[in-house]
């Protein structure tokens, strides 16, 4: 690719950035490569996703999410929701890209299109 479209590496723009970015040498744009298979970023991931039906997913490859909609409908306060989300995030153990291929790793997961992947 570099022979046809010379590329220059671009430094990450923020901590936890998951793409390795390159800009075209002529300045006409940039591309990014997310290499989660060869360079897992689970340990620095800073992304959660909220599905249309109100479930919070802490991993793009999660097999299930936490139903925040039910909590809202039950009258949970903003402070209670914050505590729940904080607890989910700090206690998460999802590391799909790091564990991929191991027998104990679930192969069932939510479709990316469902959670905005």
Protein backbone atom coordinates (compact mmCIF):
# COMPACT_ATOMS: atom_id res chain seq x y z
CA UNK A 1 0.00 0.00 0.00
CA UNK A 2 2.83 2.38 0.89
CA UNK A 3 4.28 2.08 -2.64
CA UNK A 4 1.05 3.37 -4.16
CA UNK A 5 -0.12 5.65 -1.33
CA UNK A 6 2.80 6.64 0.95
CA UNK A 7 1.77 6.78 4.59
CA UNK A 8 3.12 8.59 7.64
CA UNK A 9 2.31 7.33 11.17
CA UNK A 10 0.10 9.63 13.26
CA UNK A 11 0.49 9.85 17.04
CA UNK A 12 -2.56 8.89 19.13
CA UNK A 13 -4.82 11.85 19.82
CA UNK A 14 -5.94 10.60 23.26
CA UNK A 15 -5.21 7.83 25.79
CA UNK A 16 -6.93 4.57 24.96
CA UNK A 17 -7.22 5.29 21.24
CA UNK A 18 -7.80 1.92 19.60
CA UNK A 19 -6.80 2.63 16.00
CA UNK A 20 -3.23 2.86 14.74
CA UNK A 21 -3.52 5.86 12.47
CA UNK A 22 -1.63 6.94 9.36
CA UNK A 23 -1.99 9.99 7.16
CA UNK A 24 -1.33 10.03 3.46
CA UNK A 25 2.02 11.64 2.69
CA UNK A 26 0.32 14.13 0.35
CA UNK A 27 -2.01 15.27 3.18
CA UNK A 28 -5.15 14.06 1.39
CA UNK A 29 -6.53 12.26 4.45
CA UNK A 30 -5.81 9.48 6.89
CA UNK A 31 -6.65 5.88 7.61
CA UNK A 32 -6.79 3.89 10.81
CA UNK A 33 -6.35 0.20 11.52
CA UNK A 34 -7.95 -1.46 14.53
CA UNK A 35 -5.85 -4.57 15.07
CA UNK A 36 -7.66 -6.14 18.03
CA UNK A 37 -6.63 -9.62 16.91
CA UNK A 38 -2.89 -8.91 16.87
CA UNK A 39 -2.76 -6.00 19.33
CA UNK A 40 -5.43 -6.37 21.99
CA UNK A 41 -6.41 -3.11 23.70
CA UNK A 42 -8.79 -4.48 26.32
CA UNK A 43 -6.69 -3.14 29.19
CA UNK A 44 -6.92 0.45 27.97
CA UNK A 45 -10.44 0.33 26.50
CA UNK A 46 -12.56 3.32 27.43
CA UNK A 47 -15.70 2.50 25.44
CA UNK A 48 -19.09 1.43 26.64
CA UNK A 49 -22.15 1.13 24.43
CA UNK A 50 -25.81 1.70 25.19
CA UNK A 51 -28.16 -0.31 22.99
CA UNK A 52 -31.50 1.00 21.71
CA UNK A 53 -33.33 -1.13 24.26
CA UNK A 54 -31.41 0.40 27.19
CA UNK A 55 -28.75 -2.21 27.86
CA UNK A 56 -25.22 -1.08 28.73
CA UNK A 57 -22.49 -3.20 27.12
CA UNK A 58 -18.95 -2.84 28.47
CA UNK A 59 -17.38 -4.69 25.56
CA UNK A 60 -18.04 -4.64 21.84
CA UNK A 61 -18.01 -8.44 21.95
CA UNK A 62 -20.19 -8.76 25.06
CA UNK A 63 -22.66 -11.63 25.20
CA UNK A 64 -25.06 -9.59 27.37
CA UNK A 65 -25.60 -6.13 28.76
CA UNK A 66 -27.00 -4.58 31.93
CA UNK A 67 -30.58 -3.34 31.63
CA UNK A 68 -30.47 0.36 32.57
CA UNK A 69 -33.93 0.98 31.10
CA UNK A 70 -35.52 -1.23 33.75
CA UNK A 71 -33.68 0.69 36.45
CA UNK A 72 -34.87 4.01 35.02
CA UNK A 73 -38.46 2.78 34.83
CA UNK A 74 -38.21 1.58 38.42
CA UNK A 75 -37.33 5.13 39.46
CA UNK A 76 -33.56 4.95 39.91
CA UNK A 77 -32.08 8.39 40.57
CA UNK A 78 -29.21 9.89 38.59
CA UNK A 79 -26.91 9.22 41.54
CA UNK A 80 -28.01 5.58 41.71
CA UNK A 81 -27.48 5.13 37.97
CA UNK A 82 -24.05 6.72 38.22
CA UNK A 83 -23.08 4.34 41.02
CA UNK A 84 -24.35 1.35 39.01
CA UNK A 85 -22.52 2.35 35.83
CA UNK A 86 -19.35 3.15 37.78
CA UNK A 87 -19.53 -0.25 39.48
CA UNK A 88 -20.09 -2.03 36.18
CA UNK A 89 -17.16 -0.27 34.55
CA UNK A 90 -14.66 -0.64 37.39
CA UNK A 91 -15.64 -4.27 38.02
CA UNK A 92 -15.71 -5.40 34.42
CA UNK A 93 -13.72 -8.44 33.45
CA UNK A 94 -14.58 -8.59 29.76
CA UNK A 95 -11.42 -9.14 27.74
CA UNK A 96 -12.69 -10.82 24.61
CA UNK A 97 -9.77 -9.88 22.37
CA UNK A 98 -7.23 -11.06 24.94
CA UNK A 99 -9.06 -14.34 25.58
CA UNK A 100 -10.24 -15.10 22.03
CA UNK A 101 -9.63 -18.71 21.06
CA UNK A 102 -9.53 -20.09 24.58
CA UNK A 103 -12.05 -22.88 25.21
CA UNK A 104 -13.73 -21.01 28.09
CA UNK A 105 -14.36 -17.90 25.98
CA UNK A 106 -17.99 -17.52 24.97
CA UNK A 107 -18.59 -17.41 21.25
CA UNK A 108 -22.10 -15.99 21.74
CA UNK A 109 -22.12 -12.22 21.53
CA UNK A 110 -24.37 -9.32 20.70
CA UNK A 111 -24.24 -8.28 17.03
CA UNK A 112 -22.14 -5.16 16.53
CA UNK A 113 -24.88 -3.46 14.54
CA UNK A 114 -27.16 -3.81 17.56
CA UNK A 115 -24.84 -1.85 19.85
CA UNK A 116 -23.30 0.58 17.39
CA UNK A 117 -20.08 -1.31 16.64
